[in-house]
Amino acid sequence: MRFHITTEVRDTIVLDEDKRMRESLGPHFQRIMESDKVQDSGLLCGKRGGFFIVEVDAPAELLELLGPEIYANFKTDVQPVAPMERLGELFQEPRVVPPPIITRSGNWASEKASSRQLGE
């Protein structure tokens, strides 16, 4: 499974805390980057954050990869990723739309249910 992970330093970490955080997180980020699970990474130039593209067998592996060091100090957003080619395939697939259900009175089944809900 492929995931896009965005991390952003929490607003509560400023100045002196920022320096201490860099000292302790440096080795942790190095371990993450050396992992064979990280396929790409980078900094987000518009904020104090970065991203990782990772390949894991199960989402639970993300907990181990990032660890409490990341979750405690960064806002973290994790999104599953699919190949862009999948979008083209999706639009090429024929879609089967079930026919509407019509009641004996000639109304749509959904209209009849709505009428009952409204007390008509």
PDB file of N, CA and C in Angstrom:
ATOM      1  N   MET A   1       0.859  -1.166   0.000  1.00  0.00           N
ATOM      2  CA  MET A   1       0.000   0.000   0.000  1.00  0.00           C
ATOM      3  C   MET A   1       0.905   1.227   0.000  1.00  0.00           C
ATOM      4  N   ARG A   2       0.496   2.194  -0.789  1.00  0.00           N
ATOM      5  CA  ARG A   2       1.279   3.425  -0.917  1.00  0.00           C
ATOM      6  C   ARG A   2       0.540   4.559  -0.218  1.00  0.00           C
ATOM      7  N   PHE A   3       1.316   5.385   0.528  1.00  0.00           N
ATOM      8  CA  PHE A   3       0.732   6.500   1.272  1.00  0.00           C
ATOM      9  C   PHE A   3       1.533   7.777   1.072  1.00  0.00           C
ATOM     10  N   HIS A   4       0.810   8.886   1.054  1.00  0.00           N
ATOM     11  CA  HIS A   4       1.414  10.227   1.067  1.00  0.00           C
ATOM     12  C   HIS A   4       1.241  10.746   2.491  1.00  0.00           C
ATOM     13  N   ILE A   5       2.348  11.070   3.133  1.00  0.00           N
ATOM     14  CA  ILE A   5       2.320  11.552   4.516  1.00  0.00           C
ATOM     15  C   ILE A   5       2.808  12.995   4.525  1.00  0.00           C
ATOM     16  N   THR A   6       1.995  13.885   5.052  1.00  0.00           N
ATOM     17  CA  THR A   6       2.397  15.276   5.218  1.00  0.00           C
ATOM     18  C   THR A   6       2.603  15.526   6.696  1.00  0.00           C
ATOM     19  N   THR A   7       3.729  16.152   7.029  1.00  0.00           N
ATOM     20  CA  THR A   7       4.006  16.497   8.425  1.00  0.00           C
ATOM     21  C   THR A   7       4.227  18.001   8.511  1.00  0.00           C
ATOM     22  N   GLU A   8       3.712  18.597   9.577  1.00  0.00           N
ATOM     23  CA  GLU A   8       3.895  20.035   9.813  1.00  0.00           C
ATOM     24  C   GLU A   8       4.170  20.234  11.293  1.00  0.00           C
ATOM     25  N   VAL A   9       5.239  20.992  11.589  1.00  0.00           N
ATOM     26  CA  VAL A   9       5.619  21.232  12.978  1.00  0.00           C
ATOM     27  C   VAL A   9       4.446  21.875  13.707  1.00  0.00           C
ATOM     28  N   ARG A  10       4.156  21.379  14.889  1.00  0.00           N
ATOM     29  CA  ARG A  10       3.058  21.938  15.687  1.00  0.00           C
ATOM     30  C   ARG A  10       3.372  23.384  16.066  1.00  0.00           C
ATOM     31  N   ASP A  11       2.342  24.212  16.120  1.00  0.00           N
ATOM     32  CA  ASP A  11       2.496  25.636  16.443  1.00  0.00           C
ATOM     33  C   ASP A  11       3.090  25.861  17.822  1.00  0.00           C
ATOM     34  N   THR A  12       2.973  24.894  18.696  1.00  0.00           N
ATOM     35  CA  THR A  12       3.470  25.056  20.066  1.00  0.00           C
ATOM     36  C   THR A  12       4.992  24.935  20.140  1.00  0.00           C
ATOM     37  N   ILE A  13       5.625  24.505  19.062  1.00  0.00           N
ATOM     38  CA  ILE A  13       7.080  24.343  19.070  1.00  0.00           C
ATOM     39  C   ILE A  13       7.710  25.571  18.413  1.00  0.00           C
ATOM     40  N   VAL A  14       8.344  26.409  19.230  1.00  0.00           N
ATOM     41  CA  VAL A  14       8.949  27.651  18.741  1.00  0.00           C
ATOM     42  C   VAL A  14      10.341  27.845  19.344  1.00  0.00           C
ATOM     43  N   LEU A  15      11.156  28.600  18.661  1.00  0.00           N
ATOM     44  CA  LEU A  15      12.490  29.039  19.053  1.00  0.00           C
ATOM     45  C   LEU A  15      13.324  28.009  19.811  1.00  0.00           C
ATOM     46  N   ASP A  16      13.518  28.181  21.131  1.00  0.00           N
ATOM     47  CA  ASP A  16      14.399  27.279  21.874  1.00  0.00           C
ATOM     48  C   ASP A  16      13.939  25.824  21.764  1.00  0.00           C
ATOM     49  N   GLU A  17      12.628  25.611  21.824  1.00  0.00           N
ATOM     50  CA  GLU A  17      12.100  24.246  21.690  1.00  0.00           C
ATOM     51  C   GLU A  17      12.431  23.694  20.310  1.00  0.00           C
ATOM     52  N   ASP A  18      12.424  24.587  19.304  1.00  0.00           N
ATOM     53  CA  ASP A  18      12.722  24.190  17.936  1.00  0.00           C
ATOM     54  C   ASP A  18      14.150  23.644  17.843  1.00  0.00           C
ATOM     55  N   LYS A  19      15.088  24.307  18.509  1.00  0.00           N
ATOM     56  CA  LYS A  19      16.484  23.851  18.499  1.00  0.00           C
ATOM     57  C   LYS A  19      16.623  22.481  19.155  1.00  0.00           C
ATOM     58  N   ARG A  20      15.997  22.305  20.301  1.00  0.00           N
ATOM     59  CA  ARG A  20      16.061  21.011  20.995  1.00  0.00           C
ATOM     60  C   ARG A  20      15.416  19.913  20.141  1.00  0.00           C
ATOM     61  N   MET A  21      14.330  20.266  19.494  1.00  0.00           N
ATOM     62  CA  MET A  21      13.626  19.289  18.666  1.00  0.00           C
ATOM     63  C   MET A  21      14.516  18.842  17.508  1.00  0.00           C
ATOM     64  N   ARG A  22      15.213  19.767  16.879  1.00  0.00           N
ATOM     65  CA  ARG A  22      16.087  19.412  15.760  1.00  0.00           C
ATOM     66  C   ARG A  22      17.179  18.439  16.193  1.00  0.00           C
ATOM     67  N   GLU A  23      17.731  18.667  17.372  1.00  0.00           N
ATOM     68  CA  GLU A  23      18.786  17.783  17.884  1.00  0.00           C
ATOM     69  C   GLU A  23      18.269  16.368  18.103  1.00  0.00           C
ATOM     70  N   SER A  24      17.077  16.249  18.657  1.00  0.00           N
ATOM     71  CA  SER A  24      16.546  14.913  18.949  1.00  0.00           C
ATOM     72  C   SER A  24      15.909  14.254  17.728  1.00  0.00           C
ATOM     73  N   LEU A  25      15.334  15.063  16.835  1.00  0.00           N
ATOM     74  CA  LEU A  25      14.648  14.474  15.678  1.00  0.00           C
ATOM     75  C   LEU A  25      15.576  14.186  14.506  1.00  0.00           C
ATOM     76  N   GLY A  26      16.718  14.818  14.466  1.00  0.00           N
ATOM     77  CA  GLY A  26      17.654  14.591  13.358  1.00  0.00           C
ATOM     78  C   GLY A  26      17.950  13.123  13.139  1.00  0.00           C
ATOM     79  N   PRO A  27      18.404  12.409  14.190  1.00  0.00           N
ATOM     80  CA  PRO A  27      18.671  10.979  14.014  1.00  0.00           C
ATOM     81  C   PRO A  27      17.421  10.172  13.648  1.00  0.00           C
ATOM     82  N   HIS A  28      16.266  10.600  14.175  1.00  0.00           N
ATOM     83  CA  HIS A  28      15.024   9.873  13.853  1.00  0.00           C
ATOM     84  C   HIS A  28      14.675  10.048  12.373  1.00  0.00           C
ATOM     85  N   PHE A  29      14.770  11.267  11.853  1.00  0.00           N
ATOM     86  CA  PHE A  29      14.498  11.488  10.430  1.00  0.00           C
ATOM     87  C   PHE A  29      15.477  10.703   9.568  1.00  0.00           C
ATOM     88  N   GLN A  30      16.722  10.608  10.005  1.00  0.00           N
ATOM     89  CA  GLN A  30      17.704   9.843   9.256  1.00  0.00           C
ATOM     90  C   GLN A  30      17.301   8.372   9.186  1.00  0.00           C
ATOM     91  N   ARG A  31      16.814   7.811  10.302  1.00  0.00           N
ATOM     92  CA  ARG A  31      16.343   6.416  10.296  1.00  0.00           C
ATOM     93  C   ARG A  31      15.159   6.248   9.345  1.00  0.00           C
ATOM     94  N   ILE A  32      14.236   7.222   9.350  1.00  0.00           N
ATOM     95  CA  ILE A  32      13.081   7.142   8.438  1.00  0.00           C
ATOM     96  C   ILE A  32      13.573   7.137   6.995  1.00  0.00           C
ATOM     97  N   MET A  33      14.484   8.053   6.674  1.00  0.00           N
ATOM     98  CA  MET A  33      14.961   8.183   5.295  1.00  0.00           C
ATOM     99  C   MET A  33      15.744   6.947   4.843  1.00  0.00           C
ATOM    100  N   GLU A  34      16.408   6.281   5.768  1.00  0.00           N
ATOM    101  CA  GLU A  34      17.177   5.082   5.419  1.00  0.00           C
ATOM    102  C   GLU A  34      16.284   3.846   5.264  1.00  0.00           C
ATOM    103  N   SER A  35      15.038   3.962   5.672  1.00  0.00           N
ATOM    104  CA  SER A  35      14.111   2.851   5.551  1.00  0.00           C
ATOM    105  C   SER A  35      13.850   2.558   4.079  1.00  0.00           C
ATOM    106  N   ASP A  36      13.734   1.286   3.752  1.00  0.00           N
ATOM    107  CA  ASP A  36      13.416   0.919   2.372  1.00  0.00           C
ATOM    108  C   ASP A  36      11.959   1.213   2.034  1.00  0.00           C
ATOM    109  N   LYS A  37      11.187   1.657   3.004  1.00  0.00           N
ATOM    110  CA  LYS A  37       9.772   1.962   2.786  1.00  0.00           C
ATOM    111  C   LYS A  37       9.570   3.357   2.169  1.00  0.00           C
ATOM    112  N   VAL A  38      10.524   4.271   2.372  1.00  0.00           N
ATOM    113  CA  VAL A  38      10.395   5.646   1.862  1.00  0.00           C
ATOM    114  C   VAL A  38      10.816   5.674   0.397  1.00  0.00           C
ATOM    115  N   GLN A  39       9.876   6.073  -0.476  1.00  0.00           N
ATOM    116  CA  GLN A  39      10.150   6.138  -1.905  1.00  0.00           C
ATOM    117  C   GLN A  39      10.500   7.554  -2.360  1.00  0.00           C
ATOM    118  N   ASP A  40       9.968   8.548  -1.655  1.00  0.00           N
ATOM    119  CA  ASP A  40      10.266   9.931  -1.995  1.00  0.00           C
ATOM    120  C   ASP A  40      10.000  10.781  -0.757  1.00  0.00           C
ATOM    121  N   SER A  41      10.593  11.957  -0.726  1.00  0.00           N
ATOM    122  CA  SER A  41      10.376  12.867   0.396  1.00  0.00           C
ATOM    123  C   SER A  41      10.790  14.268  -0.021  1.00  0.00           C
ATOM    124  N   GLY A  42      10.373  15.237   0.753  1.00  0.00           N
ATOM    125  CA  GLY A  42      10.765  16.610   0.448  1.00  0.00           C
ATOM    126  C   GLY A  42      10.234  17.570   1.491  1.00  0.00           C
ATOM    127  N   LEU A  43      10.668  18.816   1.360  1.00  0.00           N
ATOM    128  CA  LEU A  43      10.194  19.887   2.239  1.00  0.00           C
ATOM    129  C   LEU A  43       9.046  20.616   1.575  1.00  0.00           C
ATOM    130  N   LEU A  44       8.137  21.135   2.388  1.00  0.00           N
ATOM    131  CA  LEU A  44       7.050  21.976   1.890  1.00  0.00           C
ATOM    132  C   LEU A  44       7.503  23.413   2.112  1.00  0.00           C
ATOM    133  N   CYS A  45       7.788  24.119   1.044  1.00  0.00           N
ATOM    134  CA  CYS A  45       8.410  25.440   1.149  1.00  0.00           C
ATOM    135  C   CYS A  45       7.479  26.510   1.719  1.00  0.00           C
ATOM    136  N   GLY A  46       6.183  26.283   1.733  1.00  0.00           N
ATOM    137  CA  GLY A  46       5.239  27.272   2.225  1.00  0.00           C
ATOM    138  C   GLY A  46       4.890  27.117   3.690  1.00  0.00           C
ATOM    139  N   LYS A  47       5.493  26.129   4.376  1.00  0.00           N
ATOM    140  CA  LYS A  47       5.196  25.898   5.795  1.00  0.00           C
ATOM    141  C   LYS A  47       6.349  25.152   6.432  1.00  0.00           C
ATOM    142  N   ARG A  48       6.299  24.999   7.722  1.00  0.00           N
ATOM    143  CA  ARG A  48       7.339  24.259   8.445  1.00  0.00           C
ATOM    144  C   ARG A  48       6.968  22.775   8.415  1.00  0.00           C
ATOM    145  N   GLY A  49       7.175  22.169   7.273  1.00  0.00           N
ATOM    146  CA  GLY A  49       6.764  20.786   7.142  1.00  0.00           C
ATOM    147  C   GLY A  49       7.421  20.092   5.981  1.00  0.00           C
ATOM    148  N   GLY A  50       7.028  18.856   5.799  1.00  0.00           N
ATOM    149  CA  GLY A  50       7.559  18.060   4.720  1.00  0.00           C
ATOM    150  C   GLY A  50       6.602  16.943   4.355  1.00  0.00           C
ATOM    151  N   PHE A  51       7.049  16.080   3.444  1.00  0.00           N
ATOM    152  CA  PHE A  51       6.205  14.964   3.029  1.00  0.00           C
ATOM    153  C   PHE A  51       7.059  13.736   2.789  1.00  0.00           C
ATOM    154  N   PHE A  52       6.420  12.602   2.848  1.00  0.00           N
ATOM    155  CA  PHE A  52       7.016  11.314   2.512  1.00  0.00           C
ATOM    156  C   PHE A  52       6.030  10.566   1.629  1.00  0.00           C
ATOM    157  N   ILE A  53       6.551   9.834   0.671  1.00  0.00           N
ATOM    158  CA  ILE A  53       5.779   8.834  -0.059  1.00  0.00           C
ATOM    159  C   ILE A  53       6.349   7.500   0.401  1.00  0.00           C
ATOM    160  N   VAL A  54       5.505   6.668   1.003  1.00  0.00           N
ATOM    161  CA  VAL A  54       5.990   5.404   1.551  1.00  0.00           C
ATOM    162  C   VAL A  54       5.194   4.231   0.990  1.00  0.00           C
ATOM    163  N   GLU A  55       5.852   3.104   0.936  1.00  0.00           N
ATOM    164  CA  GLU A  55       5.220   1.847   0.509  1.00  0.00           C
ATOM    165  C   GLU A  55       5.310   0.886   1.678  1.00  0.00           C
ATOM    166  N   VAL A  56       4.154   0.462   2.189  1.00  0.00           N
ATOM    167  CA  VAL A  56       4.107  -0.463   3.321  1.00  0.00           C
ATOM    168  C   VAL A  56       3.124  -1.588   3.007  1.00  0.00           C
ATOM    169  N   ASP A  57       3.242  -2.680   3.742  1.00  0.00           N
ATOM    170  CA  ASP A  57       2.325  -3.805   3.541  1.00  0.00           C
ATOM    171  C   ASP A  57       0.990  -3.589   4.240  1.00  0.00           C
ATOM    172  N   ALA A  58       1.015  -2.824   5.346  1.00  0.00           N
ATOM    173  CA  ALA A  58      -0.207  -2.572   6.122  1.00  0.00           C
ATOM    174  C   ALA A  58      -0.101  -1.195   6.771  1.00  0.00           C
ATOM    175  N   PRO A  59      -1.224  -0.496   6.919  1.00  0.00           N
ATOM    176  CA  PRO A  59      -1.196   0.843   7.520  1.00  0.00           C
ATOM    177  C   PRO A  59      -0.548   0.878   8.905  1.00  0.00           C
ATOM    178  N   ALA A  60      -0.654  -0.191   9.665  1.00  0.00           N
ATOM    179  CA  ALA A  60      -0.065  -0.213  11.010  1.00  0.00           C
ATOM    180  C   ALA A  60       1.448  -0.012  10.977  1.00  0.00           C
ATOM    181  N   GLU A  61       2.087  -0.339   9.872  1.00  0.00           N
ATOM    182  CA  GLU A  61       3.533  -0.133   9.750  1.00  0.00           C
ATOM    183  C   GLU A  61       3.911   1.338   9.833  1.00  0.00           C
ATOM    184  N   LEU A  62       2.969   2.213   9.502  1.00  0.00           N
ATOM    185  CA  LEU A  62       3.248   3.651   9.571  1.00  0.00           C
ATOM    186  C   LEU A  62       3.529   4.083  11.004  1.00  0.00           C
ATOM    187  N   LEU A  63       2.830   3.474  11.951  1.00  0.00           N
ATOM    188  CA  LEU A  63       3.049   3.815  13.360  1.00  0.00           C
ATOM    189  C   LEU A  63       4.494   3.539  13.764  1.00  0.00           C
ATOM    190  N   GLU A  64       4.997   2.400  13.347  1.00  0.00           N
ATOM    191  CA  GLU A  64       6.374   2.032  13.669  1.00  0.00           C
ATOM    192  C   GLU A  64       7.367   2.915  12.910  1.00  0.00           C
ATOM    193  N   LEU A  65       7.096   3.171  11.636  1.00  0.00           N
ATOM    194  CA  LEU A  65       8.005   3.971  10.817  1.00  0.00           C
ATOM    195  C   LEU A  65       8.147   5.393  11.356  1.00  0.00           C
ATOM    196  N   LEU A  66       7.024   6.036  11.649  1.00  0.00           N
ATOM    197  CA  LEU A  66       7.069   7.427  12.099  1.00  0.00           C
ATOM    198  C   LEU A  66       7.388   7.537  13.583  1.00  0.00           C
ATOM    199  N   GLY A  67       6.811   6.652  14.359  1.00  0.00           N
ATOM    200  CA  GLY A  67       7.089   6.629  15.789  1.00  0.00           C
ATOM    201  C   GLY A  67       6.498   7.805  16.548  1.00  0.00           C
ATOM    202  N   PRO A  68       6.586   7.745  17.868  1.00  0.00           N
ATOM    203  CA  PRO A  68       6.031   8.812  18.701  1.00  0.00           C
ATOM    204  C   PRO A  68       6.754  10.143  18.495  1.00  0.00           C
ATOM    205  N   GLU A  69       7.990  10.095  18.013  1.00  0.00           N
ATOM    206  CA  GLU A  69       8.729  11.335  17.769  1.00  0.00           C
ATOM    207  C   GLU A  69       8.013  12.226  16.760  1.00  0.00           C
ATOM    208  N   ILE A  70       7.462  11.620  15.735  1.00  0.00           N
ATOM    209  CA  ILE A  70       6.756  12.405  14.712  1.00  0.00           C
ATOM    210  C   ILE A  70       5.356  12.763  15.185  1.00  0.00           C
ATOM    211  N   TYR A  71       4.622  11.780  15.673  1.00  0.00           N
ATOM    212  CA  TYR A  71       3.241  12.043  16.079  1.00  0.00           C
ATOM    213  C   TYR A  71       3.148  13.059  17.216  1.00  0.00           C
ATOM    214  N   ALA A  72       4.139  13.118  18.085  1.00  0.00           N
ATOM    215  CA  ALA A  72       4.105  14.052  19.223  1.00  0.00           C
ATOM    216  C   ALA A  72       4.483  15.475  18.816  1.00  0.00           C
ATOM    217  N   ASN A  73       5.288  15.630  17.781  1.00  0.00           N
ATOM    218  CA  ASN A  73       5.822  16.950  17.441  1.00  0.00           C
ATOM    219  C   ASN A  73       5.287  17.547  16.144  1.00  0.00           C
ATOM    220  N   PHE A  74       4.550  16.744  15.370  1.00  0.00           N
ATOM    221  CA  PHE A  74       4.080  17.201  14.062  1.00  0.00           C
ATOM    222  C   PHE A  74       2.597  16.883  13.885  1.00  0.00           C
ATOM    223  N   LYS A  75       1.895  17.791  13.232  1.00  0.00           N
ATOM    224  CA  LYS A  75       0.565  17.457  12.733  1.00  0.00           C
ATOM    225  C   LYS A  75       0.826  16.533  11.551  1.00  0.00           C
ATOM    226  N   THR A  76       0.145  15.428  11.509  1.00  0.00           N
ATOM    227  CA  THR A  76       0.428  14.417  10.497  1.00  0.00           C
ATOM    228  C   THR A  76      -0.846  14.065   9.739  1.00  0.00           C
ATOM    229  N   ASP A  77      -0.758  14.109   8.418  1.00  0.00           N
ATOM    230  CA  ASP A  77      -1.886  13.739   7.567  1.00  0.00           C
ATOM    231  C   ASP A  77      -1.426  12.592   6.668  1.00  0.00           C
ATOM    232  N   VAL A  78      -2.151  11.491   6.691  1.00  0.00           N
ATOM    233  CA  VAL A  78      -1.793  10.309   5.907  1.00  0.00           C
ATOM    234  C   VAL A  78      -2.928  10.024   4.930  1.00  0.00           C
ATOM    235  N   GLN A  79      -2.570   9.924   3.646  1.00  0.00           N
ATOM    236  CA  GLN A  79      -3.561   9.646   2.608  1.00  0.00           C
ATOM    237  C   GLN A  79      -3.103   8.468   1.761  1.00  0.00           C
ATOM    238  N   PRO A  80      -3.994   7.512   1.483  1.00  0.00           N
ATOM    239  CA  PRO A  80      -3.631   6.435   0.555  1.00  0.00           C
ATOM    240  C   PRO A  80      -3.468   7.002  -0.851  1.00  0.00           C
ATOM    241  N   VAL A  81      -2.569   6.397  -1.611  1.00  0.00           N
ATOM    242  CA  VAL A  81      -2.264   6.888  -2.953  1.00  0.00           C
ATOM    243  C   VAL A  81      -2.493   5.767  -3.962  1.00  0.00           C
ATOM    244  N   ALA A  82      -3.090   6.119  -5.097  1.00  0.00           N
ATOM    245  CA  ALA A  82      -3.267   5.175  -6.206  1.00  0.00           C
ATOM    246  C   ALA A  82      -2.584   5.767  -7.434  1.00  0.00           C
ATOM    247  N   PRO A  83      -2.139   4.936  -8.357  1.00  0.00           N
ATOM    248  CA  PRO A  83      -1.488   5.450  -9.564  1.00  0.00           C
ATOM    249  C   PRO A  83      -2.460   6.276 -10.403  1.00  0.00           C
ATOM    250  N   MET A  84      -1.950   7.330 -11.020  1.00  0.00           N
ATOM    251  CA  MET A  84      -2.784   8.203 -11.859  1.00  0.00           C
ATOM    252  C   MET A  84      -3.410   7.428 -13.015  1.00  0.00           C
ATOM    253  N   GLU A  85      -2.724   6.395 -13.491  1.00  0.00           N
ATOM    254  CA  GLU A  85      -3.260   5.592 -14.589  1.00  0.00           C
ATOM    255  C   GLU A  85      -4.595   4.967 -14.207  1.00  0.00           C
ATOM    256  N   ARG A  86      -4.790   4.735 -12.934  1.00  0.00           N
ATOM    257  CA  ARG A  86      -6.038   4.114 -12.459  1.00  0.00           C
ATOM    258  C   ARG A  86      -7.242   4.993 -12.800  1.00  0.00           C
ATOM    259  N   LEU A  87      -7.046   6.312 -12.815  1.00  0.00           N
ATOM    260  CA  LEU A  87      -8.130   7.230 -13.137  1.00  0.00           C
ATOM    261  C   LEU A  87      -8.615   7.005 -14.572  1.00  0.00           C
ATOM    262  N   GLY A  88      -7.680   6.852 -15.510  1.00  0.00           N
ATOM    263  CA  GLY A  88      -8.055   6.583 -16.901  1.00  0.00           C
ATOM    264  C   GLY A  88      -8.806   5.279 -17.033  1.00  0.00           C
ATOM    265  N   GLU A  89      -8.322   4.258 -16.325  1.00  0.00           N
ATOM    266  CA  GLU A  89      -8.990   2.960 -16.346  1.00  0.00           C
ATOM    267  C   GLU A  89     -10.407   3.075 -15.793  1.00  0.00           C
ATOM    268  N   LEU A  90     -10.545   3.850 -14.746  1.00  0.00           N
ATOM    269  CA  LEU A  90     -11.842   4.010 -14.095  1.00  0.00           C
ATOM    270  C   LEU A  90     -12.873   4.598 -15.054  1.00  0.00           C
ATOM    271  N   PHE A  91     -12.451   5.595 -15.833  1.00  0.00           N
ATOM    272  CA  PHE A  91     -13.391   6.222 -16.761  1.00  0.00           C
ATOM    273  C   PHE A  91     -13.665   5.363 -17.992  1.00  0.00           C
ATOM    274  N   GLN A  92     -12.822   4.377 -18.249  1.00  0.00           N
ATOM    275  CA  GLN A  92     -13.035   3.484 -19.379  1.00  0.00           C
ATOM    276  C   GLN A  92     -13.956   2.321 -19.026  1.00  0.00           C
ATOM    277  N   GLU A  93     -14.113   2.035 -17.744  1.00  0.00           N
ATOM    278  CA  GLU A  93     -14.940   0.910 -17.314  1.00  0.00           C
ATOM    279  C   GLU A  93     -16.415   1.219 -17.549  1.00  0.00           C
ATOM    280  N   PRO A  94     -17.157   0.259 -18.128  1.00  0.00           N
ATOM    281  CA  PRO A  94     -18.598   0.494 -18.288  1.00  0.00           C
ATOM    282  C   PRO A  94     -19.279   0.475 -16.917  1.00  0.00           C
ATOM    283  N   ARG A  95     -20.182   1.368 -16.727  1.00  0.00           N
ATOM    284  CA  ARG A  95     -20.919   1.451 -15.467  1.00  0.00           C
ATOM    285  C   ARG A  95     -22.303   0.866 -15.654  1.00  0.00           C
ATOM    286  N   VAL A  96     -22.700   0.008 -14.742  1.00  0.00           N
ATOM    287  CA  VAL A  96     -24.030  -0.581 -14.776  1.00  0.00           C
ATOM    288  C   VAL A  96     -24.887   0.198 -13.791  1.00  0.00           C
ATOM    289  N   VAL A  97     -25.901   0.869 -14.310  1.00  0.00           N
ATOM    290  CA  VAL A  97     -26.808   1.640 -13.471  1.00  0.00           C
ATOM    291  C   VAL A  97     -28.101   0.844 -13.347  1.00  0.00           C
ATOM    292  N   PRO A  98     -28.487   0.487 -12.123  1.00  0.00           N
ATOM    293  CA  PRO A  98     -29.719  -0.301 -11.981  1.00  0.00           C
ATOM    294  C   PRO A  98     -30.938   0.525 -12.394  1.00  0.00           C
ATOM    295  N   PRO A  99     -31.927  -0.137 -12.987  1.00  0.00           N
ATOM    296  CA  PRO A  99     -33.136   0.601 -13.393  1.00  0.00           C
ATOM    297  C   PRO A  99     -33.890   1.085 -12.158  1.00  0.00           C
ATOM    298  N   PRO A 100     -34.638   2.169 -12.285  1.00  0.00           N
ATOM    299  CA  PRO A 100     -35.420   2.662 -11.145  1.00  0.00           C
ATOM    300  C   PRO A 100     -36.521   1.669 -10.783  1.00  0.00           C
ATOM    301  N   ILE A 101     -36.866   1.631  -9.534  1.00  0.00           N
ATOM    302  CA  ILE A 101     -37.940   0.754  -9.062  1.00  0.00           C
ATOM    303  C   ILE A 101     -39.232   1.562  -9.075  1.00  0.00           C
ATOM    304  N   ILE A 102     -40.234   1.054  -9.804  1.00  0.00           N
ATOM    305  CA  ILE A 102     -41.514   1.749  -9.909  1.00  0.00           C
ATOM    306  C   ILE A 102     -42.569   0.915  -9.196  1.00  0.00           C
ATOM    307  N   THR A 103     -43.361   1.574  -8.362  1.00  0.00           N
ATOM    308  CA  THR A 103     -44.400   0.867  -7.604  1.00  0.00           C
ATOM    309  C   THR A 103     -45.618   0.641  -8.500  1.00  0.00           C
ATOM    310  N   ARG A 104     -46.598  -0.106  -8.002  1.00  0.00           N
ATOM    311  CA  ARG A 104     -47.828  -0.370  -8.768  1.00  0.00           C
ATOM    312  C   ARG A 104     -48.584   0.908  -9.092  1.00  0.00           C
ATOM    313  N   SER A 105     -48.464   1.911  -8.230  1.00  0.00           N
ATOM    314  CA  SER A 105     -49.188   3.161  -8.483  1.00  0.00           C
ATOM    315  C   SER A 105     -48.497   4.001  -9.549  1.00  0.00           C
ATOM    316  N   GLY A 106     -47.334   3.553 -10.017  1.00  0.00           N
ATOM    317  CA  GLY A 106     -46.635   4.295 -11.056  1.00  0.00           C
ATOM    318  C   GLY A 106     -45.636   5.290 -10.492  1.00  0.00           C
ATOM    319  N   ASN A 107     -45.581   5.406  -9.181  1.00  0.00           N
ATOM    320  CA  ASN A 107     -44.605   6.310  -8.576  1.00  0.00           C
ATOM    321  C   ASN A 107     -43.256   5.610  -8.440  1.00  0.00           C
ATOM    322  N   TRP A 108     -42.243   6.416  -8.362  1.00  0.00           N
ATOM    323  CA  TRP A 108     -40.915   5.878  -8.053  1.00  0.00           C
ATOM    324  C   TRP A 108     -40.953   5.385  -6.618  1.00  0.00           C
ATOM    325  N   ALA A 109     -40.273   4.324  -6.335  1.00  0.00           N
ATOM    326  CA  ALA A 109     -40.240   3.783  -4.978  1.00  0.00           C
ATOM    327  C   ALA A 109     -39.702   4.818  -4.004  1.00  0.00           C
ATOM    328  N   SER A 110     -38.710   5.593  -4.424  1.00  0.00           N
ATOM    329  CA  SER A 110     -38.131   6.603  -3.534  1.00  0.00           C
ATOM    330  C   SER A 110     -39.137   7.719  -3.244  1.00  0.00           C
ATOM    331  N   GLU A 111     -40.012   8.049  -4.227  1.00  0.00           N
ATOM    332  CA  GLU A 111     -41.034   9.077  -3.997  1.00  0.00           C
ATOM    333  C   GLU A 111     -42.056   8.590  -2.985  1.00  0.00           C
ATOM    334  N   LYS A 112     -42.421   7.318  -3.087  1.00  0.00           N
ATOM    335  CA  LYS A 112     -43.398   6.761  -2.173  1.00  0.00           C
ATOM    336  C   LYS A 112     -42.850   6.782  -0.745  1.00  0.00           C
ATOM    337  N   ALA A 113     -41.568   6.403  -0.593  1.00  0.00           N
ATOM    338  CA  ALA A 113     -40.949   6.408   0.733  1.00  0.00           C
ATOM    339  C   ALA A 113     -40.905   7.829   1.284  1.00  0.00           C
ATOM    340  N   SER A 114     -40.608   8.797   0.403  1.00  0.00           N
ATOM    341  CA  SER A 114     -40.550  10.193   0.855  1.00  0.00           C
ATOM    342  C   SER A 114     -41.916  10.678   1.298  1.00  0.00           C
ATOM    343  N   SER A 115     -42.970  10.258   0.564  1.00  0.00           N
ATOM    344  CA  SER A 115     -44.330  10.669   0.921  1.00  0.00           C
ATOM    345  C   SER A 115     -44.701  10.139   2.278  1.00  0.00           C
ATOM    346  N   ARG A 116     -44.355   8.878   2.558  1.00  0.00           N
ATOM    347  CA  ARG A 116     -44.663   8.295   3.863  1.00  0.00           C
ATOM    348  C   ARG A 116     -43.931   9.031   4.975  1.00  0.00           C
ATOM    349  N   GLN A 117     -42.695   9.425   4.712  1.00  0.00           N
ATOM    350  CA  GLN A 117     -41.917  10.120   5.734  1.00  0.00           C
ATOM    351  C   GLN A 117     -42.517  11.482   6.026  1.00  0.00           C
ATOM    352  N   LEU A 118     -43.112  12.116   5.020  1.00  0.00           N
ATOM    353  CA  LEU A 118     -43.702  13.428   5.197  1.00  0.00           C
ATOM    354  C   LEU A 118     -45.124  13.350   5.760  1.00  0.00           C
ATOM    355  N   GLY A 119     -45.667  12.156   5.903  1.00  0.00           N
ATOM    356  CA  GLY A 119     -47.006  11.988   6.459  1.00  0.00           C
ATOM    357  C   GLY A 119     -48.104  12.182   5.451  1.00  0.00           C
ATOM    358  N   GLU A 120     -47.816  12.015   4.202  1.00  0.00           N
ATOM    359  CA  GLU A 120     -48.832  12.200   3.148  1.00  0.00           C
ATOM    360  C   GLU A 120     -49.563  10.916   2.874  1.00  0.00           C
TER     361      GLU A 120
END
